[in-house]
Amino acid sequence: MQRVVGLLALALVLFWIIDSPQSAAATVSSILAILASFAASLVTFVTALF
């Protein structure tokens, strides 16, 4: 069951990328920017501890 759900999610993501690549790219860029900001904040926090 879990494998079927994973394959279905993968199929939906692929369909989304093929159907509207600009929207998918913008969303991925936003997610990566959020993760980069989180990582920078984490590094700042750890640096401040020492």
N, C-alpha and C. Protein backbone atom coordinates (compact mmCIF):
# COMPACT_ATOMS: atom_id res chain seq x y z
N MET A 1 0.83 -1.20 0.00
CA MET A 1 0.00 0.00 0.00
C MET A 1 0.87 1.26 0.00
N GLN A 2 1.92 1.25 0.84
CA GLN A 2 2.80 2.40 0.92
C GLN A 2 3.52 2.63 -0.41
N ARG A 3 3.89 1.56 -1.08
CA ARG A 3 4.57 1.67 -2.37
C ARG A 3 3.64 2.29 -3.42
N VAL A 4 2.38 1.90 -3.39
CA VAL A 4 1.40 2.44 -4.34
C VAL A 4 1.22 3.94 -4.11
N VAL A 5 1.14 4.33 -2.86
CA VAL A 5 0.98 5.75 -2.54
C VAL A 5 2.22 6.53 -3.00
N GLY A 6 3.40 5.97 -2.80
CA GLY A 6 4.63 6.62 -3.24
C GLY A 6 4.68 6.77 -4.75
N LEU A 7 4.30 5.73 -5.46
CA LEU A 7 4.29 5.79 -6.92
C LEU A 7 3.25 6.79 -7.42
N LEU A 8 2.11 6.84 -6.76
CA LEU A 8 1.07 7.80 -7.13
C LEU A 8 1.56 9.23 -6.90
N ALA A 9 2.23 9.48 -5.78
CA ALA A 9 2.77 10.81 -5.50
C ALA A 9 3.82 11.19 -6.54
N LEU A 10 4.68 10.25 -6.90
CA LEU A 10 5.69 10.50 -7.92
C LEU A 10 5.05 10.82 -9.26
N ALA A 11 4.01 10.08 -9.62
CA ALA A 11 3.31 10.33 -10.87
C ALA A 11 2.66 11.72 -10.88
N LEU A 12 2.09 12.13 -9.76
CA LEU A 12 1.48 13.46 -9.69
C LEU A 12 2.53 14.56 -9.80
N VAL A 13 3.69 14.36 -9.17
CA VAL A 13 4.75 15.36 -9.27
C VAL A 13 5.25 15.46 -10.71
N LEU A 14 5.46 14.32 -11.35
CA LEU A 14 5.90 14.34 -12.74
C LEU A 14 4.86 15.01 -13.64
N PHE A 15 3.59 14.72 -13.43
CA PHE A 15 2.54 15.37 -14.20
C PHE A 15 2.55 16.87 -14.00
N TRP A 16 2.75 17.31 -12.74
CA TRP A 16 2.79 18.74 -12.42
C TRP A 16 3.96 19.41 -13.12
N ILE A 17 5.13 18.75 -13.12
CA ILE A 17 6.31 19.31 -13.78
C ILE A 17 6.10 19.42 -15.28
N ILE A 18 5.50 18.39 -15.88
CA ILE A 18 5.27 18.39 -17.33
C ILE A 18 4.17 19.39 -17.70
N ASP A 19 3.12 19.48 -16.87
CA ASP A 19 1.98 20.33 -17.17
C ASP A 19 2.31 21.82 -17.01
N SER A 20 3.01 22.18 -15.94
CA SER A 20 3.34 23.60 -15.72
C SER A 20 4.75 23.71 -15.12
N PRO A 21 5.75 23.63 -15.98
CA PRO A 21 7.13 23.63 -15.49
C PRO A 21 7.55 24.94 -14.80
N GLN A 22 7.00 26.07 -15.24
CA GLN A 22 7.37 27.34 -14.61
C GLN A 22 6.87 27.40 -13.17
N SER A 23 5.67 26.97 -12.94
CA SER A 23 5.12 26.95 -11.60
C SER A 23 5.88 25.97 -10.71
N ALA A 24 6.21 24.81 -11.26
CA ALA A 24 6.96 23.82 -10.49
C ALA A 24 8.34 24.34 -10.13
N ALA A 25 8.99 25.00 -11.07
CA ALA A 25 10.33 25.55 -10.81
C ALA A 25 10.27 26.66 -9.76
N ALA A 26 9.28 27.48 -9.83
CA ALA A 26 9.13 28.56 -8.85
C ALA A 26 8.90 27.99 -7.45
N THR A 27 8.09 26.96 -7.37
CA THR A 27 7.81 26.33 -6.07
C THR A 27 9.07 25.69 -5.50
N VAL A 28 9.80 24.98 -6.33
CA VAL A 28 11.04 24.35 -5.88
C VAL A 28 12.05 25.41 -5.46
N SER A 29 12.15 26.49 -6.19
CA SER A 29 13.07 27.57 -5.82
C SER A 29 12.69 28.18 -4.48
N SER A 30 11.41 28.35 -4.25
CA SER A 30 10.95 28.89 -2.97
C SER A 30 11.29 27.94 -1.82
N ILE A 31 11.06 26.67 -2.02
CA ILE A 31 11.37 25.68 -0.99
C ILE A 31 12.87 25.67 -0.69
N LEU A 32 13.70 25.72 -1.73
CA LEU A 32 15.14 25.74 -1.53
C LEU A 32 15.60 27.01 -0.82
N ALA A 33 14.97 28.14 -1.11
CA ALA A 33 15.31 29.38 -0.44
C ALA A 33 14.97 29.31 1.05
N ILE A 34 13.84 28.71 1.36
CA ILE A 34 13.45 28.54 2.76
C ILE A 34 14.44 27.63 3.48
N LEU A 35 14.83 26.54 2.85
CA LEU A 35 15.79 25.62 3.46
C LEU A 35 17.16 26.29 3.64
N ALA A 36 17.58 27.09 2.68
CA ALA A 36 18.86 27.79 2.79
C ALA A 36 18.81 28.80 3.93
N SER A 37 17.71 29.49 4.07
CA SER A 37 17.55 30.44 5.16
C SER A 37 17.59 29.73 6.51
N PHE A 38 16.93 28.58 6.59
CA PHE A 38 16.94 27.80 7.82
C PHE A 38 18.35 27.34 8.16
N ALA A 39 19.10 26.89 7.16
CA ALA A 39 20.46 26.42 7.38
C ALA A 39 21.35 27.58 7.84
N ALA A 40 21.20 28.74 7.24
CA ALA A 40 22.00 29.90 7.64
C ALA A 40 21.68 30.31 9.08
N SER A 41 20.42 30.26 9.44
CA SER A 41 20.03 30.59 10.81
C SER A 41 20.59 29.58 11.80
N LEU A 42 20.59 28.34 11.42
CA LEU A 42 21.13 27.28 12.28
C LEU A 42 22.64 27.46 12.47
N VAL A 43 23.34 27.79 11.40
CA VAL A 43 24.79 28.02 11.50
C VAL A 43 25.06 29.23 12.40
N THR A 44 24.28 30.29 12.26
CA THR A 44 24.44 31.47 13.11
C THR A 44 24.20 31.12 14.57
N PHE A 45 23.21 30.32 14.85
CA PHE A 45 22.91 29.91 16.22
C PHE A 45 24.05 29.09 16.81
N VAL A 46 24.54 28.12 16.05
CA VAL A 46 25.62 27.26 16.55
C VAL A 46 26.89 28.08 16.74
N THR A 47 27.17 28.99 15.83
CA THR A 47 28.34 29.85 15.95
C THR A 47 28.24 30.73 17.20
N ALA A 48 27.06 31.21 17.50
CA ALA A 48 26.87 32.07 18.67
C ALA A 48 27.07 31.30 19.97
N LEU A 49 26.92 29.99 19.95
CA LEU A 49 27.13 29.19 21.15
C LEU A 49 28.60 29.12 21.54
N PHE A 50 29.47 29.24 20.57
CA PHE A 50 30.92 29.14 20.84
C PHE A 50 31.50 30.47 20.85
